[in-house]
């Protein structure tokens, strides 16, 4: 009973933390504001819904045009008469709250929930609203996966109709799930995960323009958003720590969130050399990266936490000034 009460208190704390960091005007703090958030608000304020049922001929159209996202936000506006600002603050709240619950479930620590308050993740849940919402739906699927697998699969499928990029995160989620039951040794599992990360780096980096142009996708025109060495340094360090911890220090099975983190940290590693949209992948997997840091062996965790706190201060400085 004591454990349940403390858990409930933590959840209530996370709820109010999520409200605070979602409904305060963070744009007055950040240098340059949140351009993507402003674009979403303008779209919902001045334009009509841009998806028509007559434009959809198959499942591919519903996925690539992210039909469900447009339906949800216009439904909230037209049926409940909510303002665009409130709707997107609500999206930010859901995104932050679900990410916090994932961290809380695996660490049972509010301290690690506060580690989510980093410029990379703030930009994600406050500005990259569509992907953040899609990932929160997938996050709910992850929270339900242990006891309610069918419901978990349903939520995973829903996320695909909100943002196409959800396919990457969901496919690797299933890969991690199946690897956890496979009998291959840990070293080979790590190789598979790293190669998957490298493959995704190539697809979303050098090959992205060619692939999206082939499908006549407007996102083919996006600029390169790769990190420089300052922004990549901590994630490279965390990647090395997780690998060393699993190969040479801990003699236990690779945990799902560590495996998931390895895929996207290896993507960041290769992105540094070949270019790619690193910030989006880091931000979307942030809860799992925080949890992976918590589960490092004590010495590596101490180094990692020290580096992370210093790294967050540097990022915050560039974010504000």
Protein backbone atom coordinates (compact mmCIF):
# COMPACT_ATOMS: atom_id res chain seq x y z
CA UNK A 1 0.00 0.00 0.00
CA UNK A 2 2.86 2.39 0.83
CA UNK A 3 4.43 1.72 -2.56
CA UNK A 4 1.12 2.36 -4.36
CA UNK A 5 0.59 5.62 -2.48
CA UNK A 6 4.08 6.86 -3.27
CA UNK A 7 3.63 5.88 -6.91
CA UNK A 8 0.37 7.82 -7.03
CA UNK A 9 2.05 10.86 -5.50
CA UNK A 10 4.78 10.67 -8.15
CA UNK A 11 2.18 10.46 -10.93
CA UNK A 12 0.33 13.49 -9.53
CA UNK A 13 3.63 15.40 -9.38
CA UNK A 14 4.41 14.42 -12.98
CA UNK A 15 0.91 15.54 -14.01
CA UNK A 16 1.41 19.04 -12.63
CA UNK A 17 4.98 19.27 -13.92
CA UNK A 18 3.66 18.39 -17.37
CA UNK A 19 0.95 21.06 -17.15
CA UNK A 20 3.47 23.69 -16.07
CA UNK A 21 5.98 23.01 -18.85
CA UNK A 22 3.26 22.71 -21.51
CA UNK A 23 1.05 25.73 -20.85
CA UNK A 24 3.62 28.38 -19.93
CA UNK A 25 4.76 30.57 -22.87
CA UNK A 26 8.20 29.08 -23.43
CA UNK A 27 8.61 31.15 -26.60
CA UNK A 28 9.46 34.18 -24.46
CA UNK A 29 12.48 32.31 -23.11
CA UNK A 30 13.89 30.70 -26.23
CA UNK A 31 15.90 32.78 -28.64
CA UNK A 32 14.00 32.97 -31.92
CA UNK A 33 10.85 31.36 -30.54
CA UNK A 34 9.29 28.17 -31.93
CA UNK A 35 8.79 28.57 -35.68
CA UNK A 36 7.12 25.18 -36.21
CA UNK A 37 4.65 25.83 -33.41
CA UNK A 38 3.77 29.21 -34.92
CA UNK A 39 3.23 27.52 -38.30
CA UNK A 40 0.87 24.98 -36.75
CA UNK A 41 -1.10 27.75 -35.01
CA UNK A 42 -1.35 29.73 -38.24
CA UNK A 43 -2.48 26.64 -40.15
CA UNK A 44 -5.25 25.88 -37.67
CA UNK A 45 -6.26 29.55 -37.39
CA UNK A 46 -6.38 30.69 -40.99
CA UNK A 47 -6.83 27.56 -43.12
CA UNK A 48 -9.44 24.86 -43.55
CA UNK A 49 -8.63 21.18 -43.18
CA UNK A 50 -6.45 20.14 -46.12
CA UNK A 51 -7.40 16.49 -46.26
CA UNK A 52 -10.45 15.45 -48.23
CA UNK A 53 -11.79 11.90 -48.21
CA UNK A 54 -11.91 12.06 -52.02
CA UNK A 55 -8.12 12.45 -52.09
CA UNK A 56 -7.56 9.07 -50.43
CA UNK A 57 -7.58 5.94 -52.55
CA UNK A 58 -5.64 3.45 -50.40
CA UNK A 59 -3.91 2.98 -47.07
CA UNK A 60 -0.74 4.54 -48.47
CA UNK A 61 -2.54 7.88 -48.94
CA UNK A 62 -3.89 7.86 -45.38
CA UNK A 63 -0.42 7.18 -43.95
CA UNK A 64 1.71 9.53 -46.07
CA UNK A 65 -0.72 12.45 -45.75
CA UNK A 66 -1.03 11.85 -42.00
CA UNK A 67 -4.80 12.00 -42.20
CA UNK A 68 -5.55 11.42 -38.50
CA UNK A 69 -3.47 14.39 -37.28
CA UNK A 70 -5.49 16.86 -39.36
CA UNK A 71 -8.77 15.25 -38.37
CA UNK A 72 -8.00 15.41 -34.65
CA UNK A 73 -6.87 19.03 -34.44
CA UNK A 74 -9.75 20.35 -36.60
CA UNK A 75 -12.24 18.23 -34.66
CA UNK A 76 -11.04 19.81 -31.41
CA UNK A 77 -11.30 23.26 -32.96
CA UNK A 78 -14.67 22.90 -34.69
CA UNK A 79 -16.55 20.62 -32.27
CA UNK A 80 -15.22 21.85 -28.89
CA UNK A 81 -14.42 25.41 -30.05
CA UNK A 82 -10.93 25.25 -28.57
CA UNK A 83 -8.34 27.83 -29.59
CA UNK A 84 -5.30 26.66 -31.60
CA UNK A 85 -3.03 27.78 -28.76
CA UNK A 86 -4.91 25.61 -26.25
CA UNK A 87 -5.06 22.62 -28.62
CA UNK A 88 -1.31 22.60 -29.18
CA UNK A 89 -0.60 23.19 -25.50
CA UNK A 90 -2.77 20.12 -24.87
CA UNK A 91 -0.71 18.16 -27.42
CA UNK A 92 2.48 19.31 -25.64
CA UNK A 93 1.03 18.25 -22.30
CA UNK A 94 0.14 14.76 -23.55
CA UNK A 95 3.59 14.36 -25.10
CA UNK A 96 5.45 15.45 -21.96
CA UNK A 97 3.17 13.53 -19.61
CA UNK A 98 3.48 10.22 -21.49
CA UNK A 99 7.27 10.59 -21.76
CA UNK A 100 7.41 11.30 -18.02
CA UNK A 101 5.30 8.25 -17.20
CA UNK A 102 7.65 6.04 -19.23
CA UNK A 103 10.66 7.40 -17.33
CA UNK A 104 8.85 7.15 -13.98
CA UNK A 105 7.75 3.57 -14.64
CA UNK A 106 11.29 2.37 -15.34
CA UNK A 107 13.23 4.47 -12.80
CA UNK A 108 10.70 5.23 -10.05
CA UNK A 109 12.53 8.56 -9.71
CA UNK A 110 11.28 12.10 -10.17
CA UNK A 111 14.88 13.24 -10.57
CA UNK A 112 15.14 11.43 -13.89
CA UNK A 113 11.80 12.90 -14.98
CA UNK A 114 13.35 16.35 -14.52
CA UNK A 115 16.18 15.29 -16.83
CA UNK A 116 13.61 15.50 -19.63
CA UNK A 117 13.65 19.27 -19.20
CA UNK A 118 16.37 19.82 -21.75
CA UNK A 119 16.32 22.15 -24.81
CA UNK A 120 16.33 19.18 -27.21
CA UNK A 121 13.24 17.60 -25.69
CA UNK A 122 11.51 20.93 -25.04
CA UNK A 123 11.88 21.87 -28.73
CA UNK A 124 10.41 18.49 -29.58
CA UNK A 125 7.27 18.37 -27.47
CA UNK A 126 6.60 22.11 -27.70
CA UNK A 127 7.34 22.65 -31.40
CA UNK A 128 7.58 19.36 -33.33
CA UNK A 129 3.99 18.80 -32.33
CA UNK A 130 2.88 16.23 -34.87
CA UNK A 131 5.76 13.84 -34.30
CA UNK A 132 5.63 14.44 -30.55
CA UNK A 133 1.94 13.53 -30.51
CA UNK A 134 2.56 10.44 -32.65
CA UNK A 135 5.35 9.32 -30.36
CA UNK A 136 3.17 9.88 -27.29
CA UNK A 137 0.59 7.52 -28.83
CA UNK A 138 3.38 5.00 -29.38
CA UNK A 139 4.52 5.68 -25.81
CA UNK A 140 1.07 4.70 -24.56
CA UNK A 141 1.43 1.51 -26.60
CA UNK A 142 4.75 0.85 -24.85
CA UNK A 143 3.21 1.40 -21.41
CA UNK A 144 0.41 -1.05 -22.25
CA UNK A 145 2.62 -3.66 -23.92
CA UNK A 146 3.29 -5.82 -20.86
CA UNK A 147 -0.36 -6.49 -19.93
CA UNK A 148 -2.46 -5.41 -22.92
CA UNK A 149 -0.61 -6.48 -26.07
CA UNK A 150 -3.55 -6.25 -28.49
CA UNK A 151 -4.40 -2.75 -27.28
CA UNK A 152 -0.72 -1.87 -27.54
CA UNK A 153 -0.65 -2.93 -31.19
CA UNK A 154 -3.77 -0.84 -31.86
CA UNK A 155 -2.15 2.31 -30.44
CA UNK A 156 0.99 1.60 -32.47
CA UNK A 157 -1.07 1.49 -35.65
CA UNK A 158 -2.87 4.72 -34.75
CA UNK A 159 0.48 6.54 -34.43
CA UNK A 160 1.32 5.77 -38.08
CA UNK A 161 -1.67 7.84 -39.27
CA UNK A 162 -0.43 10.85 -37.30
CA UNK A 163 3.17 10.95 -38.52
CA UNK A 164 4.79 8.75 -41.17
CA UNK A 165 8.12 8.73 -39.30
CA UNK A 166 6.38 6.67 -36.60
CA UNK A 167 7.05 3.67 -38.85
CA UNK A 168 10.75 3.77 -37.96
CA UNK A 169 10.11 3.92 -34.22
CA UNK A 170 7.41 1.25 -34.26
CA UNK A 171 9.31 -1.18 -36.50
CA UNK A 172 12.37 -0.97 -34.28
CA UNK A 173 10.13 -1.36 -31.25
CA UNK A 174 8.91 -4.68 -32.64
CA UNK A 175 12.48 -5.65 -33.57
CA UNK A 176 13.64 -5.03 -30.01
CA UNK A 177 10.68 -7.04 -28.69
CA UNK A 178 11.52 -10.06 -30.87
CA UNK A 179 15.25 -9.84 -30.14
CA UNK A 180 14.48 -9.96 -26.42
CA UNK A 181 13.07 -13.47 -26.95
CA UNK A 182 15.70 -14.67 -29.40
CA UNK A 183 18.47 -17.04 -28.34
CA UNK A 184 21.33 -15.31 -30.19
CA UNK A 185 24.10 -14.03 -27.96
CA UNK A 186 24.33 -10.45 -26.77
CA UNK A 187 27.22 -9.49 -29.07
CA UNK A 188 25.26 -10.44 -32.20
CA UNK A 189 22.21 -8.59 -30.90
CA UNK A 190 24.31 -5.46 -30.51
CA UNK A 191 25.63 -5.85 -34.06
CA UNK A 192 22.09 -6.17 -35.44
CA UNK A 193 20.93 -3.09 -33.53
CA UNK A 194 23.91 -0.99 -34.62
CA UNK A 195 23.49 -2.01 -38.26
CA UNK A 196 19.82 -1.06 -38.08
CA UNK A 197 20.81 2.36 -36.78
CA UNK A 198 23.39 2.79 -39.55
CA UNK A 199 20.85 1.73 -42.18
CA UNK A 200 18.31 4.26 -40.88
CA UNK A 201 21.00 6.95 -40.86
CA UNK A 202 21.69 6.31 -44.56
CA UNK A 203 17.99 6.21 -45.48
CA UNK A 204 17.16 9.43 -43.60
CA UNK A 205 20.46 11.11 -44.50
CA UNK A 206 22.10 10.80 -47.94
CA UNK A 207 19.18 8.85 -49.46
CA UNK A 208 16.38 10.92 -47.94
CA UNK A 209 16.09 13.42 -50.78
CA UNK A 210 16.03 10.71 -53.46
CA UNK A 211 13.45 8.59 -51.63
CA UNK A 212 11.09 11.46 -50.79
CA UNK A 213 11.45 12.96 -54.26
CA UNK A 214 10.48 9.61 -55.75
CA UNK A 215 7.27 9.67 -53.72
CA UNK A 216 6.81 13.42 -54.46
CA UNK A 217 6.89 14.20 -50.75
CA UNK A 218 7.13 17.86 -49.75
CA UNK A 219 9.62 16.96 -46.99
CA UNK A 220 12.27 16.31 -49.63
CA UNK A 221 13.04 20.03 -49.38
CA UNK A 222 13.93 19.97 -45.68
CA UNK A 223 17.36 21.30 -44.76
CA UNK A 224 20.05 19.23 -43.10
CA UNK A 225 19.54 19.22 -39.32
CA UNK A 226 22.54 17.17 -38.18
CA UNK A 227 24.37 17.95 -34.91
CA UNK A 228 27.89 19.33 -34.72
CA UNK A 229 30.44 17.77 -32.36
CA UNK A 230 29.27 19.81 -29.35
CA UNK A 231 25.70 18.59 -29.64
CA UNK A 232 26.66 15.03 -30.63
CA UNK A 233 29.36 14.51 -27.99
CA UNK A 234 27.17 13.37 -25.09
CA UNK A 235 25.15 10.94 -27.22
CA UNK A 236 28.33 9.37 -28.59
CA UNK A 237 29.57 9.02 -25.02
CA UNK A 238 26.28 7.43 -23.88
CA UNK A 239 26.42 5.04 -26.83
CA UNK A 240 29.92 3.87 -25.83
CA UNK A 241 28.86 3.55 -22.17
CA UNK A 242 25.85 1.35 -22.98
CA UNK A 243 27.93 -0.91 -25.24
CA UNK A 244 30.77 -1.27 -22.70
CA UNK A 245 28.33 -1.80 -19.85
CA UNK A 246 26.57 -4.64 -21.64
CA UNK A 247 29.65 -6.35 -23.04
CA UNK A 248 32.15 -6.09 -20.21
CA UNK A 249 30.51 -5.03 -16.96
CA UNK A 250 26.97 -6.34 -16.62
CA UNK A 251 26.32 -10.02 -17.26
CA UNK A 252 22.56 -9.71 -17.74
CA UNK A 253 20.26 -9.68 -20.74
CA UNK A 254 20.05 -6.54 -22.84
CA UNK A 255 16.98 -4.58 -21.73
CA UNK A 256 14.45 -3.37 -24.29
CA UNK A 257 14.99 0.35 -23.69
CA UNK A 258 18.77 -0.11 -23.95
CA UNK A 259 18.38 -1.98 -27.23
CA UNK A 260 16.06 0.73 -28.51
CA UNK A 261 18.54 3.42 -27.48
CA UNK A 262 21.43 1.65 -29.23
CA UNK A 263 19.60 1.75 -32.58
CA UNK A 264 19.14 5.51 -32.50
CA UNK A 265 22.44 6.36 -30.82
CA UNK A 266 24.26 4.46 -33.56
CA UNK A 267 22.19 6.50 -36.04
CA UNK A 268 23.46 9.70 -34.37
CA UNK A 269 27.02 8.39 -34.52
CA UNK A 270 26.91 7.84 -38.27
CA UNK A 271 24.89 11.01 -38.87
CA UNK A 272 27.79 13.05 -37.52
CA UNK A 273 29.89 11.87 -40.47
CA UNK A 274 27.32 11.69 -43.27
CA UNK A 275 24.66 14.21 -42.18
CA UNK A 276 21.04 13.66 -41.24
CA UNK A 277 18.18 14.84 -39.04
CA UNK A 278 19.76 13.84 -35.72
CA UNK A 279 17.83 16.15 -33.40
CA UNK A 280 14.47 14.64 -34.28
CA UNK A 281 15.57 11.07 -33.56
CA UNK A 282 17.29 12.01 -30.31
CA UNK A 283 14.26 13.97 -29.10
CA UNK A 284 11.73 11.30 -30.02
CA UNK A 285 13.63 8.60 -28.12
CA UNK A 286 14.58 10.85 -25.19
CA UNK A 287 12.70 8.93 -22.46
CA UNK A 288 14.49 5.68 -23.39
CA UNK A 289 17.87 7.42 -23.44
CA UNK A 290 17.25 8.82 -19.96
CA UNK A 291 16.20 5.37 -18.70
CA UNK A 292 19.27 3.75 -20.29
CA UNK A 293 21.45 6.23 -18.44
CA UNK A 294 19.74 5.30 -15.16
CA UNK A 295 20.45 1.58 -15.70
CA UNK A 296 24.17 1.99 -16.33
CA UNK A 297 26.51 0.49 -13.75
CA UNK A 298 27.25 2.91 -10.90
CA UNK A 299 30.63 4.22 -12.08
CA UNK A 300 29.56 4.76 -15.68
CA UNK A 301 26.31 6.32 -14.50
CA UNK A 302 28.20 8.84 -12.36
CA UNK A 303 30.34 9.89 -15.33
CA UNK A 304 27.30 10.02 -17.58
CA UNK A 305 25.21 12.12 -15.21
CA UNK A 306 28.04 14.59 -14.71
CA UNK A 307 28.54 14.90 -18.45
CA UNK A 308 24.78 15.19 -19.04
CA UNK A 309 24.29 18.01 -16.53
CA UNK A 310 27.22 19.94 -18.02
CA UNK A 311 25.93 19.23 -21.53
CA UNK A 312 22.43 20.46 -20.62
CA UNK A 313 23.83 23.73 -19.26
CA UNK A 314 25.73 24.30 -22.51
CA UNK A 315 22.64 23.56 -24.60
CA UNK A 316 20.48 25.85 -22.45
CA UNK A 317 22.98 28.68 -22.88
CA UNK A 318 22.86 28.39 -26.68
CA UNK A 319 19.08 27.96 -26.52
CA UNK A 320 18.45 31.17 -24.57
CA UNK A 321 21.27 33.52 -25.54
